[in-house]
Amino acid sequence: MRRRLSTLLAAIALAMTGLVVLSSTTPANADACYTWSRTLKAGATGADVSQLQIRVAGWAGYRTNMAVDGSYGPQTTTAVKNFQAAYGLSADGVAGPDTFTKLYGLQKDDCSPAHFSWTEVDGGCGVGGYSGGSVSSSTVKANLLRAMWRAEALRHRMGDIPLRVTSGFRSQSCDRSVGGSGTGQHTYGRAIDVVPVNGNTTLCRIAQAARYVSFGTLLGPGYPDHNDHVHVDIRPDRIFWSAPSCGI
């Protein structure tokens, strides 16, 4: 009896030890939006890499319009390193438990980043929603998610100064009604217009910081019709910046 009890206690101790080891090597706990199940590093591919890229693309560096392609290459490594450094983590370029835990803390259950919301970026002209654009509603939302995460990077880079999106997605009819072409980047969900909150910073400071957060297009003060906001968008394979009043 005593021997069986000793054996049982030893088994329990071993199991508890195993659980401790498991918890220290598992990437992170389940998350309501997205959960990574493995550590990611250079050479990895897959949908989990794409999900990581969506969230760290804003840290890829100056004049880098980072692709979300599911391939963990040099740009992704750099973006992860810069993200880690910006949030006080060990900057090794490998996305593991600490990196995922920080990302979980930054995203809400609906996958939007902590300081921006879907209600800021949905349909303009008082309509709401994501239909009537140049692409499907699902593509619009996927593009807006990428834009919001880059805006989150912009906000943090500026010292967590609050920013506000004044225009996100527009249907084609809405875009035409405000003087657009009807097929501009807002109709794809790729573009957002950003302003400071309560005069806490300047449009020029926003424009200057936006050069470092993977926005391919940047239009601000001094560019026609952009003196009251900074337009940024994530259209692929393009770098075009113009904010003459800000020296850009």
Protein backbone atom coordinates (compact mmCIF):
# COMPACT_ATOMS: atom_id res chain seq x y z
CA MET A 1 0.00 0.00 0.00
CA ARG A 2 2.75 2.41 1.00
CA ARG A 3 4.70 1.51 -2.16
CA ARG A 4 1.64 2.11 -4.36
CA LEU A 5 1.11 5.50 -2.70
CA SER A 6 4.74 6.44 -3.29
CA THR A 7 4.47 5.41 -6.93
CA LEU A 8 1.27 7.44 -7.35
CA LEU A 9 2.82 10.54 -5.78
CA ALA A 10 5.88 10.19 -8.01
CA ALA A 11 3.66 9.94 -11.09
CA ILE A 12 1.74 13.05 -10.07
CA ALA A 13 4.99 14.93 -9.49
CA LEU A 14 6.27 13.85 -12.90
CA ALA A 15 3.04 14.91 -14.58
CA MET A 16 3.17 18.29 -12.88
CA THR A 17 6.75 18.75 -14.00
CA GLY A 18 5.74 17.89 -17.53
CA LEU A 19 2.97 20.45 -17.43
CA VAL A 20 5.35 23.14 -16.31
CA VAL A 21 7.72 22.34 -19.14
CA LEU A 22 4.87 22.29 -21.64
CA SER A 23 3.55 25.69 -20.56
CA SER A 24 6.98 27.27 -20.97
CA THR A 25 7.43 26.04 -24.53
CA THR A 26 3.93 26.43 -25.93
CA PRO A 27 3.78 29.69 -27.96
CA ALA A 28 0.83 31.25 -26.12
CA ASN A 29 -2.65 30.72 -24.79
CA ALA A 30 -5.75 30.65 -26.97
CA ASP A 31 -6.93 34.03 -28.23
CA ALA A 32 -10.44 35.02 -29.30
CA CYS A 33 -9.25 36.48 -32.61
CA TYR A 34 -6.35 34.30 -33.76
CA THR A 35 -4.03 31.86 -32.00
CA TRP A 36 -0.55 30.94 -33.20
CA SER A 37 0.37 27.33 -32.46
CA ARG A 38 4.07 27.35 -33.30
CA THR A 39 7.12 29.56 -33.08
CA LEU A 40 7.83 31.29 -36.40
CA LYS A 41 11.17 32.33 -37.84
CA ALA A 42 12.98 32.90 -41.13
CA GLY A 43 12.02 30.28 -43.71
CA ALA A 44 8.57 29.54 -42.29
CA THR A 45 5.56 29.71 -44.59
CA GLY A 46 1.82 29.47 -44.14
CA ALA A 47 -1.33 31.25 -43.09
CA ASP A 48 0.05 31.80 -39.58
CA VAL A 49 2.95 33.75 -41.10
CA SER A 50 0.45 35.91 -43.00
CA GLN A 51 -1.44 36.61 -39.78
CA LEU A 52 1.82 37.67 -38.14
CA GLN A 53 2.74 39.87 -41.10
CA ILE A 54 -0.61 41.70 -40.94
CA ARG A 55 0.20 42.75 -37.38
CA VAL A 56 3.90 43.63 -37.71
CA ALA A 57 4.05 45.10 -41.24
CA GLY A 58 4.08 48.60 -39.76
CA TRP A 59 7.51 47.87 -38.29
CA ALA A 60 9.27 46.89 -41.54
CA GLY A 61 11.18 50.16 -41.69
CA TYR A 62 11.58 53.37 -43.66
CA ARG A 63 10.20 53.37 -47.19
CA THR A 64 9.25 49.69 -47.03
CA ASN A 65 5.80 48.73 -48.28
CA MET A 66 5.84 45.23 -46.80
CA ALA A 67 3.97 42.42 -48.51
CA VAL A 68 1.67 40.02 -46.68
CA ASP A 69 2.58 36.85 -48.56
CA GLY A 70 2.86 34.09 -45.96
CA SER A 71 6.63 33.80 -46.41
CA TYR A 72 8.91 34.64 -43.47
CA GLY A 73 11.70 36.42 -45.31
CA PRO A 74 14.11 39.27 -44.48
CA GLN A 75 11.38 41.94 -44.38
CA THR A 76 9.35 39.94 -41.89
CA THR A 77 12.41 39.28 -39.77
CA THR A 78 13.19 43.00 -39.69
CA ALA A 79 9.57 43.87 -38.90
CA VAL A 80 9.46 41.38 -36.03
CA LYS A 81 12.78 42.67 -34.64
CA ASN A 82 11.55 46.26 -34.74
CA PHE A 83 8.21 45.31 -33.18
CA GLN A 84 9.98 43.43 -30.40
CA ALA A 85 12.34 46.34 -29.70
CA ALA A 86 9.47 48.85 -29.71
CA TYR A 87 7.62 46.87 -27.04
CA GLY A 88 10.60 46.03 -24.84
CA LEU A 89 11.05 42.42 -25.93
CA SER A 90 14.24 40.61 -26.87
CA ALA A 91 14.73 41.64 -30.51
CA ASP A 92 15.84 38.38 -32.15
CA GLY A 93 13.45 38.40 -35.13
CA VAL A 94 11.87 35.11 -34.03
CA ALA A 95 8.15 35.20 -33.23
CA GLY A 96 7.68 33.08 -30.15
CA PRO A 97 5.66 33.13 -26.92
CA ASP A 98 6.59 36.65 -25.79
CA THR A 99 5.90 38.14 -29.20
CA PHE A 100 2.55 36.41 -29.53
CA THR A 101 1.53 37.38 -26.01
CA LYS A 102 2.24 41.02 -26.82
CA LEU A 103 0.19 40.75 -30.01
CA TYR A 104 -2.69 39.14 -28.12
CA GLY A 105 -2.61 42.06 -25.71
CA LEU A 106 -2.82 44.52 -28.59
CA GLN A 107 -5.76 42.99 -30.43
CA LYS A 108 -9.42 42.92 -29.56
CA ASP A 109 -11.70 39.92 -30.02
CA ASP A 110 -12.82 41.29 -33.40
CA CYS A 111 -9.16 41.38 -34.50
CA SER A 112 -8.95 45.17 -34.65
CA PRO A 113 -5.91 46.66 -32.92
CA ALA A 114 -6.24 48.09 -29.43
CA HIS A 115 -6.53 51.78 -30.35
CA PHE A 116 -8.59 51.66 -33.55
CA SER A 117 -12.00 50.20 -34.28
CA TRP A 118 -14.14 48.93 -37.13
CA THR A 119 -16.63 51.72 -36.53
CA GLU A 120 -13.92 54.25 -37.44
CA VAL A 121 -13.22 52.69 -40.82
CA ASP A 122 -16.55 51.34 -42.09
CA GLY A 123 -18.63 52.92 -44.83
CA GLY A 124 -18.55 56.69 -45.17
CA CYS A 125 -21.31 59.15 -46.12
CA GLY A 126 -23.30 57.94 -43.12
CA VAL A 127 -24.05 54.57 -44.70
CA GLY A 128 -21.79 52.19 -42.78
CA GLY A 129 -20.90 48.67 -43.83
CA TYR A 130 -18.42 47.44 -46.43
CA SER A 131 -20.45 46.92 -49.61
CA GLY A 132 -20.59 48.87 -52.84
CA GLY A 133 -16.86 49.28 -53.19
CA SER A 134 -14.45 48.22 -55.92
CA VAL A 135 -13.92 44.76 -54.37
CA SER A 136 -15.95 42.37 -52.25
CA SER A 137 -16.86 43.21 -48.66
CA SER A 138 -14.54 40.49 -47.37
CA THR A 139 -11.60 41.93 -49.31
CA VAL A 140 -12.44 45.42 -48.10
CA LYS A 141 -12.35 44.21 -44.48
CA ALA A 142 -9.09 42.33 -45.01
CA ASN A 143 -7.50 45.48 -46.41
CA LEU A 144 -8.87 47.65 -43.62
CA LEU A 145 -7.46 45.29 -41.01
CA ARG A 146 -3.99 45.68 -42.52
CA ALA A 147 -4.35 49.44 -42.61
CA MET A 148 -5.51 49.61 -38.98
CA TRP A 149 -2.57 47.55 -37.75
CA ARG A 150 -0.16 49.89 -39.54
CA ALA A 151 -1.97 52.80 -37.92
CA GLU A 152 -1.41 51.09 -34.56
CA ALA A 153 2.30 51.00 -35.33
CA LEU A 154 2.17 54.68 -36.30
CA ARG A 155 0.51 55.57 -33.00
CA HIS A 156 3.06 53.65 -30.94
CA ARG A 157 5.99 55.07 -32.90
CA MET A 158 4.72 58.55 -32.03
CA GLY A 159 4.73 57.76 -28.32
CA ASP A 160 1.18 56.41 -28.08
CA ILE A 161 -0.33 59.77 -28.94
CA PRO A 162 -4.03 59.21 -29.74
CA LEU A 163 -4.94 59.40 -33.42
CA ARG A 164 -8.32 59.22 -35.11
CA VAL A 165 -9.45 57.90 -38.49
CA THR A 166 -11.83 60.36 -40.17
CA SER A 167 -12.39 58.36 -43.35
CA GLY A 168 -11.87 54.69 -44.13
CA PHE A 169 -13.91 52.62 -46.56
CA ARG A 170 -16.17 54.42 -49.04
CA SER A 171 -18.58 52.86 -51.49
CA GLN A 172 -18.09 53.96 -55.08
CA SER A 173 -21.10 56.26 -54.87
CA CYS A 174 -19.86 57.75 -51.60
CA ASP A 175 -16.39 58.31 -53.08
CA ARG A 176 -17.88 60.17 -56.05
CA SER A 177 -20.11 62.27 -53.79
CA VAL A 178 -17.09 63.64 -51.90
CA GLY A 179 -15.19 64.48 -55.06
CA GLY A 180 -13.35 61.21 -55.62
CA SER A 181 -13.11 59.16 -58.79
CA GLY A 182 -15.43 56.45 -57.52
CA THR A 183 -12.67 53.87 -57.79
CA GLY A 184 -10.05 55.34 -55.45
CA GLN A 185 -8.17 53.46 -52.76
CA HIS A 186 -10.87 54.15 -50.16
CA THR A 187 -13.23 52.01 -52.26
CA TYR A 188 -10.83 49.06 -51.81
CA GLY A 189 -10.50 49.55 -48.07
CA ARG A 190 -6.80 50.24 -48.53
CA ALA A 191 -6.86 53.89 -47.49
CA ILE A 192 -7.49 55.73 -44.24
CA ASP A 193 -7.37 59.44 -43.41
CA VAL A 194 -5.76 60.20 -40.05
CA VAL A 195 -5.87 63.26 -37.79
CA PRO A 196 -4.66 64.08 -34.27
CA VAL A 197 -7.05 64.01 -31.33
CA ASN A 198 -7.69 67.36 -29.62
CA GLY A 199 -4.61 68.98 -31.12
CA ASN A 200 -2.24 66.62 -29.29
CA THR A 201 0.20 66.63 -32.21
CA THR A 202 0.48 68.06 -35.72
CA LEU A 203 -0.45 66.71 -39.12
CA CYS A 204 3.15 67.15 -40.19
CA ARG A 205 4.40 64.98 -37.36
CA ILE A 206 1.92 62.30 -38.38
CA ALA A 207 3.03 62.51 -42.00
CA GLN A 208 6.71 62.33 -41.09
CA ALA A 209 6.20 59.31 -38.82
CA ALA A 210 4.02 57.54 -41.40
CA ARG A 211 7.07 57.17 -43.68
CA TYR A 212 8.32 54.44 -41.35
CA VAL A 213 5.20 52.29 -41.03
CA SER A 214 4.83 50.60 -44.42
CA PHE A 215 2.33 52.94 -46.05
CA GLY A 216 3.00 53.04 -49.77
CA THR A 217 1.09 56.28 -50.32
CA LEU A 218 1.21 59.30 -48.05
CA LEU A 219 -0.58 62.58 -48.85
CA GLY A 220 -0.64 65.45 -46.38
CA PRO A 221 -0.48 69.20 -45.87
CA GLY A 222 0.52 71.02 -49.03
CA TYR A 223 -0.89 68.35 -51.32
CA PRO A 224 -4.16 69.51 -52.94
CA ASP A 225 -7.20 68.96 -50.67
CA HIS A 226 -5.12 67.35 -47.90
CA ASN A 227 -4.45 70.25 -45.54
CA ASP A 228 -6.79 68.94 -42.83
CA HIS A 229 -5.76 65.27 -42.72
CA VAL A 230 -3.05 62.78 -43.67
CA HIS A 231 -4.09 60.19 -46.23
CA VAL A 232 -2.20 56.89 -46.09
CA ASP A 233 -2.83 53.72 -48.02
CA ILE A 234 -1.43 50.24 -48.44
CA ARG A 235 -1.74 49.71 -52.18
CA PRO A 236 0.98 47.23 -53.24
CA ASP A 237 4.16 47.98 -55.19
CA ARG A 238 3.97 51.73 -54.80
CA ILE A 239 5.82 54.43 -52.89
CA PHE A 240 4.38 57.91 -53.42
CA TRP A 241 4.64 60.52 -50.71
CA SER A 242 3.68 64.18 -50.95
CA ALA A 243 3.19 66.58 -48.06
CA PRO A 244 5.10 69.66 -49.23
CA SER A 245 4.22 71.77 -46.20
CA CYS A 246 5.92 69.12 -44.06
CA GLY A 247 9.06 68.85 -46.17
CA ILE A 248 7.92 65.59 -47.77
